[in-house]
C-alpha atoms as a PDB file:
ATOM      1  CA  PRO A   1      72.738  43.501  -2.913  1.00  0.00           C
ATOM      2  CA  PHE A   2      72.324  45.275  -6.632  1.00  0.00           C
ATOM      3  CA  VAL A   3      75.796  47.234  -6.071  1.00  0.00           C
ATOM      4  CA  LYS A   4      78.473  45.608  -7.992  1.00  0.00           C
ATOM      5  CA  ASN A   5      81.432  48.083  -6.647  1.00  0.00           C
ATOM      6  CA  ILE A   6      81.898  51.290  -5.438  1.00  0.00           C
ATOM      7  CA  ASP A   7      84.720  53.437  -6.788  1.00  0.00           C
ATOM      8  CA  PRO A   8      85.511  57.244  -5.610  1.00  0.00           C
ATOM      9  CA  VAL A   9      85.225  59.562  -8.252  1.00  0.00           C
ATOM     10  CA  LEU A  10      87.383  62.694  -6.620  1.00  0.00           C
ATOM     11  CA  SER A  11      88.273  63.607  -3.201  1.00  0.00           C
ATOM     12  CA  GLY A  12      88.318  66.883  -1.751  1.00  0.00           C
ATOM     13  CA  LYS A  13      89.215  69.291   0.989  1.00  0.00           C
ATOM     14  CA  ARG A  14      87.007  71.471   2.712  1.00  0.00           C
ATOM     15  CA  LYS A  15      88.083  75.391   2.615  1.00  0.00           C
ATOM     16  CA  GLU A  16      88.979  77.158   5.588  1.00  0.00           C
ATOM     17  CA  ILE A  17      86.387  79.289   6.945  1.00  0.00           C
ATOM     18  CA  GLU A  18      87.175  83.301   7.779  1.00  0.00           C
ATOM     19  CA  PHE A  19      85.547  84.189  10.862  1.00  0.00           C
ATOM     20  CA  ILE A  20      83.699  87.672  11.122  1.00  0.00           C
ATOM     21  CA  SER A  21      84.016  88.313  15.087  1.00  0.00           C
ATOM     22  CA  GLN A  22      81.997  91.661  15.062  1.00  0.00           C
ATOM     23  CA  LEU A  23      78.773  89.764  14.235  1.00  0.00           C
ATOM     24  CA  ARG A  24      78.921  87.972  17.690  1.00  0.00           C
ATOM     25  CA  LYS A  25      78.085  91.415  19.577  1.00  0.00           C
ATOM     26  CA  THR A  26      74.865  92.136  17.479  1.00  0.00           C
ATOM     27  CA  HIS A  27      73.442  88.700  16.616  1.00  0.00           C
ATOM     28  CA  SER A  28      70.784  88.604  18.956  1.00  0.00           C
ATOM     29  CA  ASP A  29      69.590  92.163  18.353  1.00  0.00           C
ATOM     30  CA  PRO A  30      66.575  91.708  16.012  1.00  0.00           C
ATOM     31  CA  ASN A  31      66.984  95.468  15.033  1.00  0.00           C
ATOM     32  CA  PHE A  32      70.297  94.262  13.220  1.00  0.00           C
ATOM     33  CA  TYR A  33      68.963  91.944  10.712  1.00  0.00           C
ATOM     34  CA  GLY A  34      65.614  93.979  10.224  1.00  0.00           C
ATOM     35  CA  ASN A  35      62.948  91.825   8.789  1.00  0.00           C
ATOM     36  CA  SER A  36      65.374  89.146   8.240  1.00  0.00           C
ATOM     37  CA  PHE A  37      65.654  88.348  11.567  1.00  0.00           C
ATOM     38  CA  ASN A  38      62.796  85.912  12.185  1.00  0.00           C
ATOM     39  CA  GLN A  39      63.168  83.640   9.198  1.00  0.00           C
ATOM     40  CA  LEU A  40      67.320  83.544   9.937  1.00  0.00           C
ATOM     41  CA  ASN A  41      66.664  82.604  13.484  1.00  0.00           C
ATOM     42  CA  GLN A  42      63.778  79.813  12.054  1.00  0.00           C
ATOM     43  CA  ILE A  43      66.469  78.203  10.021  1.00  0.00           C
ATOM     44  CA  ASN A  44      69.333  78.779  12.812  1.00  0.00           C
ATOM     45  CA  VAL A  45      71.184  81.174  10.632  1.00  0.00           C
ATOM     46  CA  ILE A  46      71.773  83.240  13.392  1.00  0.00           C
ATOM     47  CA  GLN A  47      73.438  80.851  15.466  1.00  0.00           C
ATOM     48  CA  LEU A  48      75.472  80.319  12.138  1.00  0.00           C
ATOM     49  CA  HIS A  49      76.667  84.021  12.070  1.00  0.00           C
ATOM     50  CA  GLU A  50      77.406  84.088  15.827  1.00  0.00           C
ATOM     51  CA  SER A  51      79.707  81.220  14.980  1.00  0.00           C
ATOM     52  CA  GLY A  52      81.343  83.178  12.320  1.00  0.00           C
ATOM     53  CA  TYR A  53      79.784  81.351   9.081  1.00  0.00           C
ATOM     54  CA  THR A  54      78.759  84.197   6.933  1.00  0.00           C
ATOM     55  CA  GLY A  55      79.923  82.898   3.132  1.00  0.00           C
ATOM     56  CA  ASN A  56      83.466  83.725   3.291  1.00  0.00           C
ATOM     57  CA  ASN A  57      85.677  81.688   0.938  1.00  0.00           C
ATOM     58  CA  VAL A  58      82.691  80.248  -0.348  1.00  0.00           C
ATOM     59  CA  ARG A  59      81.639  80.637  -4.308  1.00  0.00           C
ATOM     60  CA  ILE A  60      78.112  80.434  -4.860  1.00  0.00           C
ATOM     61  CA  LEU A  61      76.547  80.339  -8.533  1.00  0.00           C
ATOM     62  CA  VAL A  62      73.245  81.274  -9.054  1.00  0.00           C
ATOM     63  CA  LEU A  63      71.665  80.337 -12.170  1.00  0.00           C
ATOM     64  CA  ASP A  64      68.493  82.372 -13.098  1.00  0.00           C
ATOM     65  CA  SER A  65      66.694  85.136 -15.641  1.00  0.00           C
ATOM     66  CA  GLY A  66      69.021  87.918 -14.627  1.00  0.00           C
ATOM     67  CA  PHE A  67      69.676  90.162 -11.692  1.00  0.00           C
ATOM     68  CA  TYR A  68      69.121  93.966 -11.236  1.00  0.00           C
ATOM     69  CA  LEU A  69      72.543  94.754  -9.491  1.00  0.00           C
ATOM     70  CA  ASP A  70      71.629  98.428  -8.636  1.00  0.00           C
ATOM     71  CA  HIS A  71      69.352  97.379  -5.933  1.00  0.00           C
ATOM     72  CA  GLU A  72      70.823  98.905  -2.495  1.00  0.00           C
ATOM     73  CA  VAL A  73      70.981  95.354  -0.735  1.00  0.00           C
ATOM     74  CA  PHE A  74      73.737  94.541  -3.339  1.00  0.00           C
ATOM     75  CA  ASP A  75      75.994  97.449  -2.450  1.00  0.00           C
ATOM     76  CA  SER A  76      78.505  95.116  -0.613  1.00  0.00           C
ATOM     77  CA  LEU A  77      77.781  92.098  -2.839  1.00  0.00           C
ATOM     78  CA  ASN A  78      81.184  90.299  -4.099  1.00  0.00           C
ATOM     79  CA  ILE A  79      80.435  89.274  -7.549  1.00  0.00           C
ATOM     80  CA  ILE A  80      83.252  87.528  -8.989  1.00  0.00           C
ATOM     81  CA  ALA A  81      81.810  87.191 -12.409  1.00  0.00           C
ATOM     82  CA  ALA A  82      78.625  87.500 -14.370  1.00  0.00           C
ATOM     83  CA  TYR A  83      77.607  86.113 -17.602  1.00  0.00           C
ATOM     84  CA  ASP A  84      74.495  86.476 -20.009  1.00  0.00           C
ATOM     85  CA  PHE A  85      74.051  83.082 -21.772  1.00  0.00           C
ATOM     86  CA  ILE A  86      71.229  84.030 -23.890  1.00  0.00           C
ATOM     87  CA  ASN A  87      72.895  87.058 -25.219  1.00  0.00           C
ATOM     88  CA  GLN A  88      76.584  86.107 -24.855  1.00  0.00           C
ATOM     89  CA  ASP A  89      77.474  89.199 -23.095  1.00  0.00           C
ATOM     90  CA  THR A  90      78.198  89.832 -19.523  1.00  0.00           C
ATOM     91  CA  ILE A  91      75.385  92.158 -18.766  1.00  0.00           C
ATOM     92  CA  VAL A  92      73.184  90.093 -16.490  1.00  0.00           C
ATOM     93  CA  SER A  93      70.501  92.632 -15.942  1.00  0.00           C
ATOM     94  CA  ASN A  94      67.522  93.856 -18.197  1.00  0.00           C
ATOM     95  CA  GLU A  95      68.655  94.572 -21.947  1.00  0.00           C
ATOM     96  CA  VAL A  96      66.771  96.163 -24.741  1.00  0.00           C
ATOM     97  CA  GLY A  97      64.379  93.512 -25.866  1.00  0.00           C
ATOM     98  CA  ASP A  98      64.080  91.805 -22.622  1.00  0.00           C
ATOM     99  CA  PRO A  99      60.854  91.712 -21.116  1.00  0.00           C
ATOM    100  CA  ALA A 100      60.281  94.405 -17.953  1.00  0.00           C
ATOM    101  CA  ASN A 101      60.576  91.832 -15.594  1.00  0.00           C
ATOM    102  CA  GLN A 102      63.167  89.851 -17.241  1.00  0.00           C
ATOM    103  CA  HIS A 103      65.626  90.402 -14.047  1.00  0.00           C
ATOM    104  CA  ASN A 104      63.117  90.024 -11.442  1.00  0.00           C
ATOM    105  CA  HIS A 105      63.227  86.234 -10.042  1.00  0.00           C
ATOM    106  CA  GLY A 106      67.010  86.426 -10.051  1.00  0.00           C
ATOM    107  CA  THR A 107      67.057  89.463  -8.043  1.00  0.00           C
ATOM    108  CA  GLN A 108      64.738  88.411  -5.564  1.00  0.00           C
ATOM    109  CA  VAL A 109      66.753  84.833  -5.387  1.00  0.00           C
ATOM    110  CA  LEU A 110      69.910  86.894  -4.887  1.00  0.00           C
ATOM    111  CA  SER A 111      68.735  89.097  -2.317  1.00  0.00           C
ATOM    112  CA  ILE A 112      67.236  86.201  -0.075  1.00  0.00           C
ATOM    113  CA  LEU A 113      71.048  84.591  -0.311  1.00  0.00           C
ATOM    114  CA  GLY A 114      73.380  87.547  -0.417  1.00  0.00           C
ATOM    115  CA  GLY A 115      71.437  90.607   0.094  1.00  0.00           C
ATOM    116  CA  ARG A 116      72.527  92.915   2.885  1.00  0.00           C
ATOM    117  CA  LYS A 117      71.196  96.288   4.359  1.00  0.00           C
ATOM    118  CA  ASP A 118      71.928  97.079   7.801  1.00  0.00           C
ATOM    119  CA  GLY A 119      68.720  97.285   9.836  1.00  0.00           C
ATOM    120  CA  THR A 120      66.544  95.645   6.971  1.00  0.00           C
ATOM    121  CA  LEU A 121      67.925  92.607   5.153  1.00  0.00           C
ATOM    122  CA  TYR A 122      70.428  90.065   5.693  1.00  0.00           C
ATOM    123  CA  GLY A 123      71.032  86.864   3.203  1.00  0.00           C
ATOM    124  CA  PRO A 124      72.714  83.808   4.810  1.00  0.00           C
ATOM    125  CA  ALA A 125      75.734  83.811   2.933  1.00  0.00           C
ATOM    126  CA  PHE A 126      76.277  87.895   2.442  1.00  0.00           C
ATOM    127  CA  ASN A 127      80.029  87.392   2.537  1.00  0.00           C
ATOM    128  CA  ALA A 128      80.133  84.788  -0.112  1.00  0.00           C
ATOM    129  CA  GLY A 129      81.512  85.498  -3.406  1.00  0.00           C
ATOM    130  CA  TYR A 130      78.922  85.202  -6.309  1.00  0.00           C
ATOM    131  CA  LEU A 131      79.104  84.008  -9.828  1.00  0.00           C
ATOM    132  CA  LEU A 132      76.112  84.996 -11.871  1.00  0.00           C
ATOM    133  CA  ALA A 133      74.602  83.505 -14.676  1.00  0.00           C
ATOM    134  CA  LYS A 134      71.965  84.715 -16.730  1.00  0.00           C
ATOM    135  CA  THR A 135      70.300  81.119 -18.391  1.00  0.00           C
ATOM    136  CA  GLU A 136      66.384  81.743 -18.094  1.00  0.00           C
ATOM    137  CA  ASP A 137      64.592  83.879 -21.028  1.00  0.00           C
ATOM    138  CA  ILE A 138      61.197  84.280 -19.365  1.00  0.00           C
ATOM    139  CA  SER A 139      59.774  85.206 -22.929  1.00  0.00           C
ATOM    140  CA  LEU A 140      59.755  81.665 -23.798  1.00  0.00           C
ATOM    141  CA  GLU A 141      59.776  78.106 -22.750  1.00  0.00           C
ATOM    142  CA  GLU A 142      62.283  76.281 -25.317  1.00  0.00           C
ATOM    143  CA  PRO A 143      64.870  73.610 -25.172  1.00  0.00           C
ATOM    144  CA  ILE A 144      67.601  76.094 -25.784  1.00  0.00           C
ATOM    145  CA  GLU A 145      67.406  77.278 -22.099  1.00  0.00           C
ATOM    146  CA  GLU A 146      68.599  73.994 -20.935  1.00  0.00           C
ATOM    147  CA  ASP A 147      71.950  74.552 -22.961  1.00  0.00           C
ATOM    148  CA  TYR A 148      72.145  77.895 -21.398  1.00  0.00           C
ATOM    149  CA  TYR A 149      71.584  76.088 -18.251  1.00  0.00           C
ATOM    150  CA  VAL A 150      74.271  73.677 -18.774  1.00  0.00           C
ATOM    151  CA  ALA A 151      76.877  76.200 -20.333  1.00  0.00           C
ATOM    152  CA  GLY A 152      75.992  78.191 -17.084  1.00  0.00           C
ATOM    153  CA  LEU A 153      76.712  74.782 -15.182  1.00  0.00           C
ATOM    154  CA  GLU A 154      80.103  74.467 -16.655  1.00  0.00           C
ATOM    155  CA  TRP A 155      81.197  78.189 -16.577  1.00  0.00           C
ATOM    156  CA  GLY A 156      80.726  78.207 -12.724  1.00  0.00           C
ATOM    157  CA  GLU A 157      82.269  74.897 -12.183  1.00  0.00           C
ATOM    158  CA  SER A 158      85.559  76.391 -14.023  1.00  0.00           C
ATOM    159  CA  LEU A 159      85.374  79.427 -11.718  1.00  0.00           C
ATOM    160  CA  GLY A 160      85.321  77.042  -8.949  1.00  0.00           C
ATOM    161  CA  ALA A 161      81.670  77.269  -7.676  1.00  0.00           C
ATOM    162  CA  ASP A 162      81.120  75.562  -4.383  1.00  0.00           C
ATOM    163  CA  ILE A 163      77.530  75.757  -4.647  1.00  0.00           C
ATOM    164  CA  VAL A 164      75.030  76.010  -7.121  1.00  0.00           C
ATOM    165  CA  SER A 165      71.612  78.090  -6.553  1.00  0.00           C
ATOM    166  CA  SER A 166      69.057  77.351  -9.240  1.00  0.00           C
ATOM    167  CA  SER A 167      65.373  77.410  -8.858  1.00  0.00           C
ATOM    168  CA  ILE A 168      64.365  76.877 -12.405  1.00  0.00           C
ATOM    169  CA  GLY A 169      62.660  74.054 -13.845  1.00  0.00           C
ATOM    170  CA  TYR A 170      62.063  72.370 -17.227  1.00  0.00           C
ATOM    171  CA  ILE A 171      58.837  70.464 -17.238  1.00  0.00           C
ATOM    172  CA  ASP A 172      56.958  71.675 -20.809  1.00  0.00           C
ATOM    173  CA  TRP A 173      58.933  69.276 -22.680  1.00  0.00           C
ATOM    174  CA  TYR A 174      59.374  66.311 -20.494  1.00  0.00           C
ATOM    175  CA  SER A 175      56.922  63.967 -18.727  1.00  0.00           C
ATOM    176  CA  GLN A 176      57.596  62.648 -15.106  1.00  0.00           C
ATOM    177  CA  GLY A 177      59.024  59.703 -16.434  1.00  0.00           C
ATOM    178  CA  ASP A 178      61.641  61.611 -18.301  1.00  0.00           C
ATOM    179  CA  MET A 179      63.034  62.856 -14.670  1.00  0.00           C
ATOM    180  CA  ASP A 180      65.113  59.801 -13.995  1.00  0.00           C
ATOM    181  CA  GLY A 181      68.725  60.907 -14.383  1.00  0.00           C
ATOM    182  CA  LEU A 182      69.048  59.290 -18.077  1.00  0.00           C
ATOM    183  CA  ASN A 183      66.524  61.431 -20.102  1.00  0.00           C
ATOM    184  CA  ALA A 184      66.357  64.987 -19.276  1.00  0.00           C
ATOM    185  CA  ILE A 185      69.516  66.972 -19.764  1.00  0.00           C
ATOM    186  CA  VAL A 186      69.639  69.259 -16.565  1.00  0.00           C
END
């Protein structure tokens, strides 16, 4: 009774999914997924992989504190673009002046999503394309980080992000009442 009208904002089409048939042969072998098997099986990712859903033709924007991309689980990661909104450059790993653990959280999140090392680790979307945005400065908690976050969202949108992954929160300068969709920027 309180809704006056509903207007469509945008209509879209789902992308075609490219299937990876070779996974169907190895999906039930826990050795294929290594330590990832139990958690992926628990949330039915193994069944999705069996059906060919591995992230092909999907762009995932990850907003986080940085990424150590020399890690072995990222050897086959499809990075479409990367940008550091803190330092205004394309280096999303640690830079001079960053705390030593600056890139740890982002690296962990990215490995969970798209890491791949046969027999050791598989992320659910290991065949996706990734847009990596370094927006979180762990050396401070200041409102400027929200600006980096919003800039990262806009950048990812301009590059065709289908999904956004962010486990960043800004609670130091907001009250619970500010989380109403009207006050908090993010």
